[in-house]
C-alpha cells in the first residue's frame, strides 16, 4: 500500500528474515553501512566501531572490513566517525551497566555517529528507552523502518533514517507508517455535490475568551474541503465568531441539537470550557448524536468510556491522555505506543496521541504513525486545526482511523508547505491546507 509503509517490530523482522542465508544478509547489511558512511563522510579516515556479539555486531564488523579495504583506519581513540553496532533490534529489558557505559562514551566522543539498524538502547518494537541510548546522526536500518525509529522517544535518537535493501520480501506488520499518499483516499467535491453532500461539519465550543479555538477548527474544516460548517457556541461569543469565520453559520449553544440534524460530523471541544454544564453537554452529545465525532481539548476533560452510537475519535496530547488513563504525562511520554493502544481499547474508539509522531490507534492494536511535519507545529492552535480537518474527512465518509491518519498527514504536510518555518502560527497551517490537498 503506497499510502502506508510497514513498520517492523523485532519479532516481525525475525519472521521476514526466516529461511534466508544469514551470512548473505550480513554481508549486504555491512556493505550498506560502509557505503553510507563513505558517501556521507568521504573525508573520514579514522573509524571507531563498537560491535556487540550478535548479528548487529556482525554487520558492524563486516562494515569495518569493507572500510579498511577502502583505506580507512579502524581506531579506538580520536575517530572521525563512530559506528554503533552494539545491540540492534535484540534489546530486551534494561541495559547491563557495562553496555550503558559504552553508550555514554559514544555519546560523549563529539563526532558523527552512524547506527546499525536502531540506536543501541532503543527498543525496536516500541520506541521506549529504559536508560542510556545512542544519539545517532544517521541510522542505516535493514529492510524497512522499525517501530522504534518512528515512535518517540526512540525517534529522537535515530537522526536521519536510511533504509537498506538486504533482499527480503515485504512482510505483514501490525503497525504502519503514514505517507502523503493517504490523502488520495479523501473524496473531493465532485459534479453533482452540493454544500451538504460535500461534508457538513458542526463545531461545538467557543466559550468566552476562547473563540479562537473553534474559529481555527471551523476554518480548517472549510480549507479541508468541507462544503458547510456550523459553529455552535455560547451566545456571548457569536459576535466575535462572526468576525473570525465569515463562511461558517453560527448558532447559539442552546440550539446545538437542532443544528446537528444535517451535520455529517461533529468537532466537540475547542474552547468549550470545563464547567459542569459543558461536561454535561459533551456527555449528551456523544451519547445521543448518531454521526462521527472528533473529541478534543475541553471535551476530553473528565471524559469516561461510553456506549456511543457512532464512531468517536479522541485527539489528546500527552497531558490529556495522562488524565484519561489516570497516569502522569511523563509516563505517557515514555510509553507512547502502549499508552495510545490502551486508550483505544479503554474507550473502544480511535485515539490520536498527538506529537511529532502522531499515533493513530484503533481498537485491536493496529497503530498508524504519521510523522511528516516540522517541529514548528508545536504551537498553540494546531490541535484545533487537526480537529477541524479530521471532522471534515469524517464528514466525507472516510473510515475513522484512516480519516484521523489522513488529517494528521495533511496538518503535518501543511507545516512544510507554509512559508513560515519560524514563527509559524496555526492560521498559517490552515491557509496551506488547500495546496497540500490539491497535490494529492
Protein backbone atom coordinates (compact mmCIF):
# COMPACT_ATOMS: atom_id res chain seq x y z
CA UNK A 1 0.00 0.00 0.00
CA UNK A 2 1.62 3.21 -1.16
CA UNK A 3 -0.31 5.21 1.42
CA UNK A 4 1.15 3.12 4.26
CA UNK A 5 4.60 1.64 4.75
CA UNK A 6 5.26 -1.28 7.11
CA UNK A 7 6.85 -0.59 10.48
CA UNK A 8 8.60 -3.67 11.82
CA UNK A 9 8.87 -4.93 15.36
CA UNK A 10 11.85 -7.09 16.27
CA UNK A 11 9.68 -10.19 16.04
CA UNK A 12 8.31 -9.21 12.63
CA UNK A 13 11.85 -8.67 11.35
CA UNK A 14 12.84 -12.14 12.55
CA UNK A 15 9.87 -13.54 10.65
CA UNK A 16 10.90 -11.64 7.50
CA UNK A 17 14.46 -13.00 7.79
CA UNK A 18 13.42 -16.60 8.45
CA UNK A 19 14.71 -19.04 5.86
CA UNK A 20 17.26 -16.63 4.36
CA UNK A 21 21.02 -17.07 4.34
CA UNK A 22 22.22 -15.24 7.45
CA UNK A 23 25.76 -14.71 6.16
CA UNK A 24 24.49 -13.26 2.89
CA UNK A 25 22.16 -10.87 4.74
CA UNK A 26 25.01 -9.73 6.99
CA UNK A 27 27.26 -9.11 4.01
CA UNK A 28 24.60 -6.94 2.38
CA UNK A 29 23.92 -5.12 5.65
CA UNK A 30 27.61 -4.47 6.34
CA UNK A 31 28.15 -3.23 2.81
CA UNK A 32 25.19 -0.84 3.15
CA UNK A 33 26.62 0.59 6.36
CA UNK A 34 30.08 1.07 4.86
CA UNK A 35 28.70 2.65 1.69
CA UNK A 36 26.54 5.10 3.63
CA UNK A 37 29.47 6.15 5.80
CA UNK A 38 31.75 6.74 2.82
CA UNK A 39 29.02 8.60 0.93
CA UNK A 40 28.14 10.85 3.82
CA UNK A 41 31.62 11.44 5.25
CA UNK A 42 34.02 10.92 2.33
CA UNK A 43 36.90 12.60 4.17
CA UNK A 44 36.58 10.47 7.31
CA UNK A 45 39.75 8.39 7.62
CA UNK A 46 39.51 7.05 11.17
CA UNK A 47 36.50 4.97 12.21
CA UNK A 48 35.68 3.51 15.61
CA UNK A 49 33.32 0.52 15.66
CA UNK A 50 31.50 -0.62 18.79
CA UNK A 51 30.22 -4.09 17.89
CA UNK A 52 28.25 -6.46 20.08
CA UNK A 53 28.19 -10.21 19.91
CA UNK A 54 25.02 -10.68 17.86
CA UNK A 55 24.05 -10.18 14.23
CA UNK A 56 24.12 -6.41 14.66
CA UNK A 57 27.74 -6.63 15.76
CA UNK A 58 28.43 -8.86 12.77
CA UNK A 59 27.02 -6.20 10.44
CA UNK A 60 29.35 -3.67 12.06
CA UNK A 61 32.42 -5.88 11.77
CA UNK A 62 31.74 -6.56 8.08
CA UNK A 63 31.34 -2.81 7.54
CA UNK A 64 34.73 -2.36 9.20
CA UNK A 65 36.38 -4.87 6.88
CA UNK A 66 35.00 -3.06 3.84
CA UNK A 67 36.08 0.31 5.19
CA UNK A 68 39.61 -1.00 5.81
CA UNK A 69 39.73 -2.30 2.26
CA UNK A 70 38.83 1.21 1.13
CA UNK A 71 41.72 2.74 3.05
CA UNK A 72 40.00 3.72 6.30
CA UNK A 73 41.69 3.05 9.62
CA UNK A 74 39.86 1.33 12.46
CA UNK A 75 40.77 3.02 15.73
CA UNK A 76 39.74 3.12 19.41
CA UNK A 77 40.66 6.75 20.08
CA UNK A 78 40.09 10.05 18.29
CA UNK A 79 37.88 8.75 15.43
CA UNK A 80 36.29 10.85 12.71
CA UNK A 81 33.12 8.75 12.79
CA UNK A 82 31.73 6.17 15.21
CA UNK A 83 29.69 3.12 14.16
CA UNK A 84 27.23 1.89 16.78
CA UNK A 85 26.65 -1.85 16.27
CA UNK A 86 26.19 -2.83 19.90
CA UNK A 87 22.65 -4.13 20.26
CA UNK A 88 20.41 -3.67 17.24
CA UNK A 89 16.84 -4.97 17.45
CA UNK A 90 17.67 -7.57 20.08
CA UNK A 91 17.36 -5.28 23.11
CA UNK A 92 15.04 -6.60 25.81
CA UNK A 93 14.70 -5.02 29.22
CA UNK A 94 17.30 -2.92 30.96
CA UNK A 95 20.87 -2.45 29.79
CA UNK A 96 23.81 -4.01 31.54
CA UNK A 97 25.96 -1.45 33.30
CA UNK A 98 28.95 -2.02 31.04
CA UNK A 99 26.80 -1.57 27.91
CA UNK A 100 25.33 1.63 29.29
CA UNK A 101 28.84 2.92 29.91
CA UNK A 102 29.84 2.24 26.31
CA UNK A 103 26.74 4.09 25.09
CA UNK A 104 27.62 7.08 27.23
CA UNK A 105 31.15 7.03 25.78
CA UNK A 106 29.76 7.01 22.23
CA UNK A 107 27.54 9.99 23.00
CA UNK A 108 30.42 11.89 24.57
CA UNK A 109 33.00 11.42 21.81
CA UNK A 110 31.89 14.52 19.90
CA UNK A 111 31.99 13.14 16.33
CA UNK A 112 29.23 11.90 14.00
CA UNK A 113 27.62 8.58 14.92
CA UNK A 114 26.22 6.08 12.43
CA UNK A 115 23.98 3.42 13.96
CA UNK A 116 23.34 -0.03 12.52
CA UNK A 117 19.61 -0.84 12.37
CA UNK A 118 18.48 1.03 15.51
CA UNK A 119 20.31 3.13 18.13
CA UNK A 120 21.56 0.94 20.95
CA UNK A 121 19.34 1.43 23.97
CA UNK A 122 16.15 1.96 21.94
CA UNK A 123 13.53 -0.78 21.96
CA UNK A 124 12.94 -1.58 18.29
CA UNK A 125 9.37 -2.74 18.88
CA UNK A 126 8.09 0.18 20.95
CA UNK A 127 10.45 3.16 20.75
CA UNK A 128 10.87 3.04 24.52
CA UNK A 129 14.20 3.97 26.10
CA UNK A 130 14.79 2.44 29.52
CA UNK A 131 18.11 4.14 30.24
CA UNK A 132 21.05 5.23 28.12
CA UNK A 133 20.62 5.28 24.34
CA UNK A 134 22.91 6.25 21.50
CA UNK A 135 22.25 9.63 19.90
CA UNK A 136 22.81 8.83 16.24
CA UNK A 137 23.26 11.26 13.39
CA UNK A 138 22.29 8.58 10.88
CA UNK A 139 20.65 5.18 11.27
CA UNK A 140 21.07 2.62 8.49
CA UNK A 141 18.18 0.23 9.09
CA UNK A 142 17.78 -3.06 7.27
CA UNK A 143 14.84 -3.95 5.01
CA UNK A 144 12.36 -1.47 6.48
CA UNK A 145 11.93 1.07 9.29
CA UNK A 146 11.41 -0.27 12.78
CA UNK A 147 8.66 0.90 15.12
CA UNK A 148 11.30 2.28 17.46
CA UNK A 149 12.65 4.58 14.75
CA UNK A 150 9.24 6.19 14.23
CA UNK A 151 7.83 6.35 17.75
CA UNK A 152 9.17 8.70 20.43
CA UNK A 153 11.33 8.75 22.41
CA UNK A 154 13.27 6.37 20.15
CA UNK A 155 12.76 8.52 17.06
CA UNK A 156 14.64 11.37 18.73
CA UNK A 157 17.76 9.17 18.99
CA UNK A 158 17.73 7.96 15.37
CA UNK A 159 18.82 11.01 13.40
CA UNK A 160 18.23 10.60 9.68
CA UNK A 161 16.95 7.12 8.81
CA UNK A 162 18.25 5.36 5.69
CA UNK A 163 16.61 2.06 4.69
CA UNK A 164 18.99 -0.53 3.21
CA UNK A 165 17.73 -3.24 0.86
CA UNK A 166 19.03 -6.64 2.01
CA UNK A 167 16.93 -8.62 -0.48
CA UNK A 168 13.98 -9.61 1.71
CA UNK A 169 10.31 -9.73 0.82
CA UNK A 170 7.84 -7.37 2.47
CA UNK A 171 6.08 -8.98 5.43
CA UNK A 172 2.86 -8.25 7.28
CA UNK A 173 3.20 -5.81 10.16
CA UNK A 174 0.83 -4.66 12.88
CA UNK A 175 1.85 -1.01 12.71
CA UNK A 176 2.25 1.23 9.67
CA UNK A 177 3.93 4.48 8.72
CA UNK A 178 1.65 7.01 7.02
CA UNK A 179 2.79 8.57 3.75
CA UNK A 180 1.43 11.59 1.91
CA UNK A 181 -0.39 9.22 -0.47
CA UNK A 182 -3.05 8.61 2.18
CA UNK A 183 -4.58 11.94 1.16
CA UNK A 184 -5.65 10.38 -2.12
CA UNK A 185 -8.24 8.41 -0.10
CA UNK A 186 -10.12 11.58 0.86
CA UNK A 187 -13.04 12.31 -1.53
CA UNK A 188 -13.00 15.69 -3.25
CA UNK A 189 -16.02 17.71 -4.22
CA UNK A 190 -17.39 16.36 -7.46
CA UNK A 191 -20.01 17.23 -10.04
CA UNK A 192 -23.42 16.72 -8.50
CA UNK A 193 -22.27 17.59 -4.99
CA UNK A 194 -23.90 20.34 -3.04
CA UNK A 195 -22.63 22.07 0.07
CA UNK A 196 -24.14 19.42 2.31
CA UNK A 197 -23.05 16.30 0.41
CA UNK A 198 -19.50 17.73 0.25
CA UNK A 199 -19.40 17.39 4.04
CA UNK A 200 -21.25 19.30 6.75
CA UNK A 201 -19.27 19.79 9.99
CA UNK A 202 -20.67 21.12 13.25
CA UNK A 203 -18.06 22.64 15.59
CA UNK A 204 -19.11 22.86 19.25
CA UNK A 205 -17.10 25.13 21.54
CA UNK A 206 -16.03 28.73 21.93
CA UNK A 207 -16.73 29.90 25.46
CA UNK A 208 -15.91 33.47 26.38
CA UNK A 209 -12.23 34.27 25.83
CA UNK A 210 -11.64 31.07 23.81
CA UNK A 211 -13.32 31.83 20.50
CA UNK A 212 -10.09 31.38 18.58
CA UNK A 213 -10.16 27.60 19.04
CA UNK A 214 -13.50 26.89 17.30
CA UNK A 215 -12.67 29.51 14.70
CA UNK A 216 -9.47 27.64 13.79
CA UNK A 217 -11.29 24.29 13.74
CA UNK A 218 -14.03 25.70 11.52
CA UNK A 219 -11.61 27.37 9.12
CA UNK A 220 -9.54 24.18 8.95
CA UNK A 221 -12.64 22.13 8.12
CA UNK A 222 -13.51 24.54 5.32
CA UNK A 223 -9.97 24.51 3.94
CA UNK A 224 -10.02 20.70 4.12
CA UNK A 225 -12.86 20.83 1.58
CA UNK A 226 -15.93 20.57 3.82
CA UNK A 227 -18.84 22.17 2.00
CA UNK A 228 -20.67 23.53 5.02
CA UNK A 229 -19.55 24.37 8.56
CA UNK A 230 -21.67 25.45 11.51
CA UNK A 231 -20.33 26.71 14.83
CA UNK A 232 -22.44 26.25 17.95
CA UNK A 233 -21.15 28.50 20.73
CA UNK A 234 -22.41 30.45 23.74
CA UNK A 235 -24.47 33.45 22.67
CA UNK A 236 -21.96 35.98 24.01
CA UNK A 237 -19.27 34.51 21.74
CA UNK A 238 -21.22 34.67 18.50
CA UNK A 239 -20.43 38.32 17.63
CA UNK A 240 -16.72 37.57 17.86
CA UNK A 241 -17.07 34.40 15.78
CA UNK A 242 -19.00 36.35 13.13
CA UNK A 243 -15.85 38.38 12.52
CA UNK A 244 -13.41 35.47 12.72
CA UNK A 245 -15.06 33.00 10.32
CA UNK A 246 -17.18 34.63 7.67
CA UNK A 247 -18.13 31.43 5.86
CA UNK A 248 -19.44 29.43 8.83
CA UNK A 249 -23.02 29.55 10.08
CA UNK A 250 -23.28 30.46 13.77
CA UNK A 251 -25.82 29.06 16.20
CA UNK A 252 -26.21 29.59 19.96
CA UNK A 253 -25.16 26.61 22.02
CA UNK A 254 -28.74 26.08 23.17
CA UNK A 255 -29.66 25.14 19.59
CA UNK A 256 -26.90 22.58 19.13
CA UNK A 257 -29.22 19.57 18.89
CA UNK A 258 -31.24 21.30 16.20
CA UNK A 259 -28.04 22.31 14.39
CA UNK A 260 -26.71 18.77 14.38
CA UNK A 261 -29.62 17.34 12.40
CA UNK A 262 -28.00 17.91 8.99
CA UNK A 263 -24.38 17.55 10.11
CA UNK A 264 -22.26 14.63 8.92
CA UNK A 265 -19.61 15.03 11.62
CA UNK A 266 -19.04 16.81 14.92
CA UNK A 267 -15.96 18.56 16.27
CA UNK A 268 -16.57 18.83 20.00
CA UNK A 269 -14.39 20.66 22.50
CA UNK A 270 -12.36 23.53 21.02
CA UNK A 271 -12.59 26.33 23.55
CA UNK A 272 -15.70 24.79 25.14
CA UNK A 273 -14.64 25.28 28.75
CA UNK A 274 -14.74 22.84 31.64
CA UNK A 275 -17.77 23.98 33.58
CA UNK A 276 -20.28 21.38 34.73
CA UNK A 277 -22.81 22.32 32.05
CA UNK A 278 -20.17 21.94 29.33
CA UNK A 279 -19.26 18.46 30.61
CA UNK A 280 -22.92 17.50 30.67
CA UNK A 281 -23.36 18.73 27.10
CA UNK A 282 -20.37 16.68 25.91
CA UNK A 283 -21.70 13.53 27.54
CA UNK A 284 -25.12 14.03 25.98
CA UNK A 285 -23.77 14.82 22.50
CA UNK A 286 -21.54 11.76 22.48
CA UNK A 287 -24.29 9.54 23.85
CA UNK A 288 -27.10 10.70 21.56
CA UNK A 289 -25.74 12.03 18.26
CA UNK A 290 -25.51 9.34 15.60
CA UNK A 291 -22.79 10.89 13.43
CA UNK A 292 -19.00 10.58 13.81
CA UNK A 293 -17.40 12.99 16.25
CA UNK A 294 -13.91 14.29 16.96
CA UNK A 295 -13.45 14.85 20.69
CA UNK A 296 -10.68 17.27 21.60
CA UNK A 297 -9.47 19.81 24.14
CA UNK A 298 -12.02 20.63 26.86
CA UNK A 299 -14.34 17.83 25.73
CA UNK A 300 -11.69 15.33 26.88
CA UNK A 301 -11.80 16.66 30.44
CA UNK A 302 -13.33 14.06 32.77
CA UNK A 303 -14.36 12.01 29.72
CA UNK A 304 -15.40 8.46 30.50
CA UNK A 305 -15.93 5.48 28.20
CA UNK A 306 -19.46 5.17 26.89
CA UNK A 307 -21.69 3.04 24.69
CA UNK A 308 -21.57 5.55 21.86
CA UNK A 309 -23.94 5.22 18.87
CA UNK A 310 -21.40 6.30 16.23
CA UNK A 311 -17.61 6.45 15.77
CA UNK A 312 -15.68 8.74 18.08
CA UNK A 313 -12.11 9.95 17.52
CA UNK A 314 -10.26 11.25 20.59
CA UNK A 315 -7.29 13.54 19.93
CA UNK A 316 -5.37 14.09 23.19
CA UNK A 317 -1.86 15.32 23.73
CA UNK A 318 0.26 13.56 26.36
CA UNK A 319 -1.10 15.55 29.28
CA UNK A 320 -4.72 14.96 28.26
CA UNK A 321 -4.12 11.25 27.69
CA UNK A 322 -2.47 11.02 31.10
CA UNK A 323 -5.65 12.36 32.71
CA UNK A 324 -7.82 9.99 30.70
CA UNK A 325 -5.77 6.97 31.82
CA UNK A 326 -5.09 8.13 35.36
CA UNK A 327 -1.34 8.40 34.91
CA UNK A 328 1.21 11.20 34.68
CA UNK A 329 2.34 12.75 31.42
CA UNK A 330 5.95 11.61 31.81
CA UNK A 331 4.75 8.01 31.89
CA UNK A 332 2.74 8.57 28.71
CA UNK A 333 5.76 10.16 27.01
CA UNK A 334 7.95 7.18 27.94
CA UNK A 335 5.39 4.62 26.71
CA UNK A 336 3.58 6.34 23.86
CA UNK A 337 2.74 3.25 21.81
CA UNK A 338 1.41 1.20 24.72
CA UNK A 339 -0.50 4.20 26.09
CA UNK A 340 -2.37 5.02 22.89
CA UNK A 341 -3.21 1.33 22.40
CA UNK A 342 -4.55 1.17 25.97
CA UNK A 343 -6.68 4.26 25.37
CA UNK A 344 -8.15 2.85 22.15
CA UNK A 345 -9.16 -0.32 23.98
CA UNK A 346 -10.44 1.51 27.05
CA UNK A 347 -12.64 3.92 25.10
CA UNK A 348 -13.36 1.48 22.26
CA UNK A 349 -12.66 4.06 19.59
CA UNK A 350 -9.89 5.62 17.53
CA UNK A 351 -7.42 7.61 19.63
CA UNK A 352 -4.82 10.03 18.23
CA UNK A 353 -1.90 10.72 20.55
CA UNK A 354 -0.61 13.98 19.11
CA UNK A 355 3.07 14.80 18.76
CA UNK A 356 5.89 14.88 16.24
CA UNK A 357 4.96 11.24 15.84
CA UNK A 358 1.16 11.33 15.88
CA UNK A 359 -0.02 7.83 16.78
CA UNK A 360 -3.45 6.83 15.48
CA UNK A 361 -4.68 3.72 17.29
CA UNK A 362 -7.82 1.70 16.72
CA UNK A 363 -9.26 -0.99 18.98
CA UNK A 364 -7.46 -4.24 18.21
CA UNK A 365 -3.95 -2.86 18.42
CA UNK A 366 -3.06 -1.50 14.98
CA UNK A 367 -1.35 1.89 15.10
CA UNK A 368 -0.73 4.23 12.17
CA UNK A 369 2.21 6.58 12.73
CA UNK A 370 2.15 9.95 10.99
CA UNK A 371 5.46 11.80 11.23
CA UNK A 372 5.57 14.12 8.22
CA UNK A 373 5.69 17.51 9.90
CA UNK A 374 8.14 20.01 11.28
CA UNK A 375 8.87 20.98 14.90
CA UNK A 376 7.22 24.32 14.10
CA UNK A 377 3.85 22.61 14.63
CA UNK A 378 4.49 22.80 18.37
CA UNK A 379 2.46 25.98 18.72
CA UNK A 380 -0.92 26.89 20.15
CA UNK A 381 -3.93 26.17 17.95
CA UNK A 382 -2.53 23.45 15.70
CA UNK A 383 -4.52 20.89 17.65
CA UNK A 384 -7.69 22.79 16.78
CA UNK A 385 -6.63 22.68 13.14
CA UNK A 386 -6.24 18.91 13.37
CA UNK A 387 -9.70 18.64 14.92
CA UNK A 388 -11.28 20.56 12.06
CA UNK A 389 -9.51 18.59 9.34
CA UNK A 390 -10.40 15.27 10.97
CA UNK A 391 -14.04 16.30 11.20
CA UNK A 392 -14.06 17.32 7.53
CA UNK A 393 -12.69 13.95 6.46
CA UNK A 394 -15.19 12.10 8.68
CA UNK A 395 -17.98 14.19 7.15
CA UNK A 396 -16.87 12.96 3.72
CA UNK A 397 -17.34 9.36 4.85
CA UNK A 398 -13.72 8.33 5.39
CA UNK A 399 -13.29 5.42 7.83
CA UNK A 400 -12.33 6.85 11.27
CA UNK A 401 -8.77 5.58 11.63
CA UNK A 402 -7.94 6.49 8.04
CA UNK A 403 -9.66 9.88 8.44
CA UNK A 404 -7.60 10.66 11.53
CA UNK A 405 -4.37 9.48 9.95
CA UNK A 406 -5.05 11.47 6.78
CA UNK A 407 -5.83 14.54 8.87
CA UNK A 408 -2.53 14.18 10.73
CA UNK A 409 -0.72 13.88 7.40
CA UNK A 410 -2.50 16.93 5.96
CA UNK A 411 -1.74 19.07 9.01
CA UNK A 412 1.89 17.97 9.11
CA UNK A 413 2.47 18.48 5.39
CA UNK A 414 0.90 21.92 5.69
CA UNK A 415 3.64 22.82 8.18
CA UNK A 416 6.12 22.17 5.37
CA UNK A 417 4.03 23.98 2.78
CA UNK A 418 3.61 27.13 4.87
CA UNK A 419 6.05 29.89 4.04
CA UNK A 420 6.84 30.48 7.72
CA UNK A 421 9.22 27.88 9.14
CA UNK A 422 9.98 30.12 12.12
CA UNK A 423 7.19 31.86 13.95
CA UNK A 424 4.61 29.52 12.40
CA UNK A 425 1.11 30.03 13.80
CA UNK A 426 -1.92 27.82 13.43
CA UNK A 427 -3.53 30.10 10.83
CA UNK A 428 -0.51 29.54 8.57
CA UNK A 429 -1.24 25.83 8.66
CA UNK A 430 -4.89 26.41 7.79
CA UNK A 431 -4.02 28.52 4.76
CA UNK A 432 -1.54 25.93 3.49
CA UNK A 433 -4.04 23.05 3.61
CA UNK A 434 -5.59 23.57 0.14
CA UNK A 435 -2.18 23.47 -1.54
CA UNK A 436 -1.34 20.20 0.22
CA UNK A 437 -4.67 18.59 -0.66
CA UNK A 438 -4.54 19.78 -4.27
CA UNK A 439 -1.23 17.96 -4.71
CA UNK A 440 -2.56 14.53 -3.72
